[in-house]
Amino acid sequence: MHDFSSDYGNYEIDLDNSNAACNANYENNLDNYVENYKRVYSYCKIEQKKDKHCEGFHKFFGDKKYGD
């Protein structure tokens, strides 16, 4: 969860900046980040699981959905 929260701000800035450098490796990392986020979001928010991973997810992301 910590990596998600640490990288979130950087990805958000990069995606808002049309001049940000984007290569295949960066794009792959971003795609993996988004897929992992969606998986954890679904597990914690939709399935409403209550484990330590979801506690961390809620702490770092609150009610943000991956489209926000």
PDB file of N, CA and C in Angstrom:
ATOM      1  N   MET A   1       0.808  -1.196   0.000  1.00  0.00           N
ATOM      2  CA  MET A   1       0.000   0.000   0.000  1.00  0.00           C
ATOM      3  C   MET A   1       0.851   1.260   0.000  1.00  0.00           C
ATOM      4  N   HIS A   2       1.966   1.216   0.685  1.00  0.00           N
ATOM      5  CA  HIS A   2       2.806   2.414   0.760  1.00  0.00           C
ATOM      6  C   HIS A   2       3.286   2.830  -0.621  1.00  0.00           C
ATOM      7  N   ASP A   3       3.695   1.870  -1.460  1.00  0.00           N
ATOM      8  CA  ASP A   3       4.137   2.213  -2.811  1.00  0.00           C
ATOM      9  C   ASP A   3       3.014   2.874  -3.595  1.00  0.00           C
ATOM     10  N   PHE A   4       1.796   2.348  -3.443  1.00  0.00           N
ATOM     11  CA  PHE A   4       0.650   2.963  -4.110  1.00  0.00           C
ATOM     12  C   PHE A   4       0.525   4.422  -3.712  1.00  0.00           C
ATOM     13  N   SER A   5       0.540   4.672  -2.431  1.00  0.00           N
ATOM     14  CA  SER A   5       0.316   6.037  -1.964  1.00  0.00           C
ATOM     15  C   SER A   5       1.467   6.960  -2.314  1.00  0.00           C
ATOM     16  N   SER A   6       2.691   6.449  -2.267  1.00  0.00           N
ATOM     17  CA  SER A   6       3.861   7.272  -2.595  1.00  0.00           C
ATOM     18  C   SER A   6       3.873   7.662  -4.063  1.00  0.00           C
ATOM     19  N   ASP A   7       3.530   6.710  -4.921  1.00  0.00           N
ATOM     20  CA  ASP A   7       3.578   6.945  -6.361  1.00  0.00           C
ATOM     21  C   ASP A   7       2.368   7.698  -6.881  1.00  0.00           C
ATOM     22  N   TYR A   8       1.269   7.668  -6.153  1.00  0.00           N
ATOM     23  CA  TYR A   8       0.020   8.262  -6.625  1.00  0.00           C
ATOM     24  C   TYR A   8       0.200   9.720  -7.030  1.00  0.00           C
ATOM     25  N   GLY A   9       0.809  10.498  -6.172  1.00  0.00           N
ATOM     26  CA  GLY A   9       0.993  11.918  -6.463  1.00  0.00           C
ATOM     27  C   GLY A   9       1.848  12.150  -7.686  1.00  0.00           C
ATOM     28  N   ASN A  10       2.899  11.354  -7.840  1.00  0.00           N
ATOM     29  CA  ASN A  10       3.774  11.488  -9.009  1.00  0.00           C
ATOM     30  C   ASN A  10       3.032  11.150 -10.294  1.00  0.00           C
ATOM     31  N   TYR A  11       2.277  10.059 -10.270  1.00  0.00           N
ATOM     32  CA  TYR A  11       1.521   9.682 -11.464  1.00  0.00           C
ATOM     33  C   TYR A  11       0.463  10.731 -11.790  1.00  0.00           C
ATOM     34  N   GLU A  12      -0.176  11.249 -10.775  1.00  0.00           N
ATOM     35  CA  GLU A  12      -1.208  12.263 -10.995  1.00  0.00           C
ATOM     36  C   GLU A  12      -0.613  13.504 -11.664  1.00  0.00           C
ATOM     37  N   ILE A  13       0.547  13.937 -11.203  1.00  0.00           N
ATOM     38  CA  ILE A  13       1.227  15.093 -11.797  1.00  0.00           C
ATOM     39  C   ILE A  13       1.629  14.795 -13.235  1.00  0.00           C
ATOM     40  N   ASP A  14       2.229  13.626 -13.449  1.00  0.00           N
ATOM     41  CA  ASP A  14       2.679  13.259 -14.793  1.00  0.00           C
ATOM     42  C   ASP A  14       1.517  13.173 -15.776  1.00  0.00           C
ATOM     43  N   LEU A  15       0.408  12.619 -15.342  1.00  0.00           N
ATOM     44  CA  LEU A  15      -0.730  12.467 -16.243  1.00  0.00           C
ATOM     45  C   LEU A  15      -1.381  13.801 -16.575  1.00  0.00           C
ATOM     46  N   ASP A  16      -1.269  14.767 -15.679  1.00  0.00           N
ATOM     47  CA  ASP A  16      -1.803  16.104 -15.945  1.00  0.00           C
ATOM     48  C   ASP A  16      -0.864  16.943 -16.807  1.00  0.00           C
ATOM     49  N   ASN A  17       0.391  16.508 -16.927  1.00  0.00           N
ATOM     50  CA  ASN A  17       1.405  17.255 -17.665  1.00  0.00           C
ATOM     51  C   ASN A  17       1.647  16.597 -19.018  1.00  0.00           C
ATOM     52  N   SER A  18       1.218  17.257 -20.075  1.00  0.00           N
ATOM     53  CA  SER A  18       1.374  16.673 -21.411  1.00  0.00           C
ATOM     54  C   SER A  18       2.828  16.613 -21.852  1.00  0.00           C
ATOM     55  N   ASN A  19       3.729  17.314 -21.162  1.00  0.00           N
ATOM     56  CA  ASN A  19       5.142  17.298 -21.522  1.00  0.00           C
ATOM     57  C   ASN A  19       5.936  16.241 -20.767  1.00  0.00           C
ATOM     58  N   ALA A  20       5.285  15.474 -19.908  1.00  0.00           N
ATOM     59  CA  ALA A  20       5.989  14.454 -19.126  1.00  0.00           C
ATOM     60  C   ALA A  20       6.556  13.384 -20.054  1.00  0.00           C
ATOM     61  N   ALA A  21       7.782  12.992 -19.752  1.00  0.00           N
ATOM     62  CA  ALA A  21       8.426  11.940 -20.540  1.00  0.00           C
ATOM     63  C   ALA A  21       7.681  10.627 -20.322  1.00  0.00           C
ATOM     64  N   CYS A  22       7.423   9.925 -21.400  1.00  0.00           N
ATOM     65  CA  CYS A  22       6.719   8.651 -21.302  1.00  0.00           C
ATOM     66  C   CYS A  22       7.377   7.671 -22.259  1.00  0.00           C
ATOM     67  N   ASN A  23       7.974   6.633 -21.700  1.00  0.00           N
ATOM     68  CA  ASN A  23       8.541   5.592 -22.536  1.00  0.00           C
ATOM     69  C   ASN A  23       7.816   4.289 -22.238  1.00  0.00           C
ATOM     70  N   ALA A  24       8.190   3.222 -22.928  1.00  0.00           N
ATOM     71  CA  ALA A  24       7.497   1.944 -22.776  1.00  0.00           C
ATOM     72  C   ALA A  24       7.592   1.419 -21.349  1.00  0.00           C
ATOM     73  N   ASN A  25       8.740   1.579 -20.709  1.00  0.00           N
ATOM     74  CA  ASN A  25       8.914   1.092 -19.340  1.00  0.00           C
ATOM     75  C   ASN A  25       8.006   1.862 -18.378  1.00  0.00           C
ATOM     76  N   TYR A  26       7.976   3.173 -18.519  1.00  0.00           N
ATOM     77  CA  TYR A  26       7.117   4.001 -17.658  1.00  0.00           C
ATOM     78  C   TYR A  26       5.650   3.651 -17.881  1.00  0.00           C
ATOM     79  N   GLU A  27       5.274   3.504 -19.138  1.00  0.00           N
ATOM     80  CA  GLU A  27       3.890   3.161 -19.457  1.00  0.00           C
ATOM     81  C   GLU A  27       3.516   1.806 -18.855  1.00  0.00           C
ATOM     82  N   ASN A  28       4.423   0.843 -18.923  1.00  0.00           N
ATOM     83  CA  ASN A  28       4.181  -0.472 -18.340  1.00  0.00           C
ATOM     84  C   ASN A  28       4.008  -0.370 -16.824  1.00  0.00           C
ATOM     85  N   ASN A  29       4.870   0.416 -16.178  1.00  0.00           N
ATOM     86  CA  ASN A  29       4.752   0.606 -14.730  1.00  0.00           C
ATOM     87  C   ASN A  29       3.423   1.255 -14.366  1.00  0.00           C
ATOM     88  N   LEU A  30       3.024   2.241 -15.136  1.00  0.00           N
ATOM     89  CA  LEU A  30       1.754   2.921 -14.881  1.00  0.00           C
ATOM     90  C   LEU A  30       0.576   1.967 -15.073  1.00  0.00           C
ATOM     91  N   ASP A  31       0.618   1.171 -16.142  1.00  0.00           N
ATOM     92  CA  ASP A  31      -0.448   0.188 -16.377  1.00  0.00           C
ATOM     93  C   ASP A  31      -0.544  -0.808 -15.223  1.00  0.00           C
ATOM     94  N   ASN A  32       0.616  -1.282 -14.747  1.00  0.00           N
ATOM     95  CA  ASN A  32       0.627  -2.214 -13.613  1.00  0.00           C
ATOM     96  C   ASN A  32       0.061  -1.558 -12.362  1.00  0.00           C
ATOM     97  N   TYR A  33       0.436  -0.313 -12.133  1.00  0.00           N
ATOM     98  CA  TYR A  33      -0.064   0.440 -10.982  1.00  0.00           C
ATOM     99  C   TYR A  33      -1.589   0.526 -11.027  1.00  0.00           C
ATOM    100  N   VAL A  34      -2.119   0.882 -12.185  1.00  0.00           N
ATOM    101  CA  VAL A  34      -3.568   1.045 -12.332  1.00  0.00           C
ATOM    102  C   VAL A  34      -4.281  -0.291 -12.137  1.00  0.00           C
ATOM    103  N   GLU A  35      -3.758  -1.356 -12.725  1.00  0.00           N
ATOM    104  CA  GLU A  35      -4.387  -2.670 -12.578  1.00  0.00           C
ATOM    105  C   GLU A  35      -4.356  -3.141 -11.128  1.00  0.00           C
ATOM    106  N   ASN A  36      -3.242  -2.944 -10.456  1.00  0.00           N
ATOM    107  CA  ASN A  36      -3.153  -3.320  -9.041  1.00  0.00           C
ATOM    108  C   ASN A  36      -4.102  -2.488  -8.194  1.00  0.00           C
ATOM    109  N   TYR A  37      -4.182  -1.198  -8.483  1.00  0.00           N
ATOM    110  CA  TYR A  37      -5.103  -0.325  -7.748  1.00  0.00           C
ATOM    111  C   TYR A  37      -6.540  -0.806  -7.931  1.00  0.00           C
ATOM    112  N   LYS A  38      -6.926  -1.103  -9.165  1.00  0.00           N
ATOM    113  CA  LYS A  38      -8.285  -1.572  -9.432  1.00  0.00           C
ATOM    114  C   LYS A  38      -8.581  -2.867  -8.679  1.00  0.00           C
ATOM    115  N   ARG A  39      -7.601  -3.766  -8.642  1.00  0.00           N
ATOM    116  CA  ARG A  39      -7.777  -5.038  -7.949  1.00  0.00           C
ATOM    117  C   ARG A  39      -7.993  -4.815  -6.450  1.00  0.00           C
ATOM    118  N   VAL A  40      -7.153  -3.987  -5.846  1.00  0.00           N
ATOM    119  CA  VAL A  40      -7.275  -3.719  -4.411  1.00  0.00           C
ATOM    120  C   VAL A  40      -8.541  -2.911  -4.128  1.00  0.00           C
ATOM    121  N   TYR A  41      -8.861  -1.962  -4.990  1.00  0.00           N
ATOM    122  CA  TYR A  41     -10.096  -1.186  -4.836  1.00  0.00           C
ATOM    123  C   TYR A  41     -11.300  -2.124  -4.813  1.00  0.00           C
ATOM    124  N   SER A  42     -11.352  -3.033  -5.755  1.00  0.00           N
ATOM    125  CA  SER A  42     -12.461  -3.977  -5.830  1.00  0.00           C
ATOM    126  C   SER A  42     -12.528  -4.844  -4.577  1.00  0.00           C
ATOM    127  N   TYR A  43     -11.383  -5.338  -4.156  1.00  0.00           N
ATOM    128  CA  TYR A  43     -11.310  -6.196  -2.975  1.00  0.00           C
ATOM    129  C   TYR A  43     -11.778  -5.453  -1.724  1.00  0.00           C
ATOM    130  N   CYS A  44     -11.295  -4.246  -1.557  1.00  0.00           N
ATOM    131  CA  CYS A  44     -11.574  -3.501  -0.319  1.00  0.00           C
ATOM    132  C   CYS A  44     -12.891  -2.732  -0.346  1.00  0.00           C
ATOM    133  N   LYS A  45     -13.230  -2.144  -1.472  1.00  0.00           N
ATOM    134  CA  LYS A  45     -14.412  -1.284  -1.541  1.00  0.00           C
ATOM    135  C   LYS A  45     -15.661  -2.045  -1.991  1.00  0.00           C
ATOM    136  N   ILE A  46     -15.542  -2.827  -3.049  1.00  0.00           N
ATOM    137  CA  ILE A  46     -16.717  -3.505  -3.591  1.00  0.00           C
ATOM    138  C   ILE A  46     -17.038  -4.760  -2.782  1.00  0.00           C
ATOM    139  N   GLU A  47     -16.003  -5.581  -2.532  1.00  0.00           N
ATOM    140  CA  GLU A  47     -16.214  -6.792  -1.734  1.00  0.00           C
ATOM    141  C   GLU A  47     -16.241  -6.489  -0.237  1.00  0.00           C
ATOM    142  N   GLN A  48     -15.840  -5.289   0.130  1.00  0.00           N
ATOM    143  CA  GLN A  48     -15.859  -4.785   1.507  1.00  0.00           C
ATOM    144  C   GLN A  48     -15.110  -5.685   2.485  1.00  0.00           C
ATOM    145  N   LYS A  49     -13.915  -6.100   2.088  1.00  0.00           N
ATOM    146  CA  LYS A  49     -13.057  -6.890   2.973  1.00  0.00           C
ATOM    147  C   LYS A  49     -12.500  -5.986   4.059  1.00  0.00           C
ATOM    148  N   LYS A  50     -12.145  -6.562   5.167  1.00  0.00           N
ATOM    149  CA  LYS A  50     -11.708  -5.785   6.333  1.00  0.00           C
ATOM    150  C   LYS A  50     -10.388  -6.322   6.882  1.00  0.00           C
ATOM    151  N   ASP A  51      -9.348  -6.405   6.076  1.00  0.00           N
ATOM    152  CA  ASP A  51      -8.064  -6.877   6.576  1.00  0.00           C
ATOM    153  C   ASP A  51      -7.058  -5.728   6.635  1.00  0.00           C
ATOM    154  N   LYS A  52      -5.820  -6.033   7.025  1.00  0.00           N
ATOM    155  CA  LYS A  52      -4.824  -4.970   7.200  1.00  0.00           C
ATOM    156  C   LYS A  52      -4.490  -4.268   5.886  1.00  0.00           C
ATOM    157  N   HIS A  53      -4.576  -4.980   4.771  1.00  0.00           N
ATOM    158  CA  HIS A  53      -4.304  -4.351   3.480  1.00  0.00           C
ATOM    159  C   HIS A  53      -5.370  -3.302   3.162  1.00  0.00           C
ATOM    160  N   CYS A  54      -6.603  -3.635   3.477  1.00  0.00           N
ATOM    161  CA  CYS A  54      -7.692  -2.686   3.226  1.00  0.00           C
ATOM    162  C   CYS A  54      -7.633  -1.505   4.188  1.00  0.00           C
ATOM    163  N   GLU A  55      -7.193  -1.743   5.402  1.00  0.00           N
ATOM    164  CA  GLU A  55      -7.014  -0.625   6.331  1.00  0.00           C
ATOM    165  C   GLU A  55      -6.008   0.368   5.759  1.00  0.00           C
ATOM    166  N   GLY A  56      -4.903  -0.154   5.224  1.00  0.00           N
ATOM    167  CA  GLY A  56      -3.898   0.706   4.607  1.00  0.00           C
ATOM    168  C   GLY A  56      -4.434   1.408   3.377  1.00  0.00           C
ATOM    169  N   PHE A  57      -5.188   0.687   2.574  1.00  0.00           N
ATOM    170  CA  PHE A  57      -5.776   1.256   1.367  1.00  0.00           C
ATOM    171  C   PHE A  57      -6.690   2.424   1.724  1.00  0.00           C
ATOM    172  N   HIS A  58      -7.564   2.217   2.699  1.00  0.00           N
ATOM    173  CA  HIS A  58      -8.484   3.282   3.119  1.00  0.00           C
ATOM    174  C   HIS A  58      -7.721   4.468   3.707  1.00  0.00           C
ATOM    175  N   LYS A  59      -6.664   4.193   4.436  1.00  0.00           N
ATOM    176  CA  LYS A  59      -5.862   5.262   5.036  1.00  0.00           C
ATOM    177  C   LYS A  59      -5.221   6.132   3.951  1.00  0.00           C
ATOM    178  N   PHE A  60      -4.646   5.503   2.940  1.00  0.00           N
ATOM    179  CA  PHE A  60      -3.923   6.246   1.910  1.00  0.00           C
ATOM    180  C   PHE A  60      -4.832   6.880   0.869  1.00  0.00           C
ATOM    181  N   PHE A  61      -5.934   6.212   0.519  1.00  0.00           N
ATOM    182  CA  PHE A  61      -6.749   6.676  -0.602  1.00  0.00           C
ATOM    183  C   PHE A  61      -8.131   7.173  -0.228  1.00  0.00           C
ATOM    184  N   GLY A  62      -8.605   6.883   0.949  1.00  0.00           N
ATOM    185  CA  GLY A  62      -9.935   7.332   1.339  1.00  0.00           C
ATOM    186  C   GLY A  62     -10.989   6.825   0.375  1.00  0.00           C
ATOM    187  N   ASP A  63     -11.801   7.721  -0.151  1.00  0.00           N
ATOM    188  CA  ASP A  63     -12.887   7.340  -1.054  1.00  0.00           C
ATOM    189  C   ASP A  63     -12.562   7.559  -2.525  1.00  0.00           C
ATOM    190  N   LYS A  64     -11.294   7.786  -2.844  1.00  0.00           N
ATOM    191  CA  LYS A  64     -10.929   8.007  -4.249  1.00  0.00           C
ATOM    192  C   LYS A  64     -11.137   6.736  -5.058  1.00  0.00           C
ATOM    193  N   LYS A  65     -11.789   6.883  -6.186  1.00  0.00           N
ATOM    194  CA  LYS A  65     -11.938   5.784  -7.120  1.00  0.00           C
ATOM    195  C   LYS A  65     -10.863   5.953  -8.182  1.00  0.00           C
ATOM    196  N   TYR A  66     -10.496   4.876  -8.844  1.00  0.00           N
ATOM    197  CA  TYR A  66      -9.391   4.938  -9.799  1.00  0.00           C
ATOM    198  C   TYR A  66      -9.630   5.912 -10.932  1.00  0.00           C
ATOM    199  N   GLY A  67     -10.854   6.307 -11.191  1.00  0.00           N
ATOM    200  CA  GLY A  67     -11.139   7.271 -12.240  1.00  0.00           C
ATOM    201  C   GLY A  67     -11.025   8.720 -11.789  1.00  0.00           C
ATOM    202  N   ASP A  68     -10.870   8.939 -10.495  1.00  0.00           N
ATOM    203  CA  ASP A  68     -10.804  10.303  -9.949  1.00  0.00           C
ATOM    204  C   ASP A  68      -9.428  10.913 -10.136  1.00  0.00           C
TER     205      ASP A  68
END
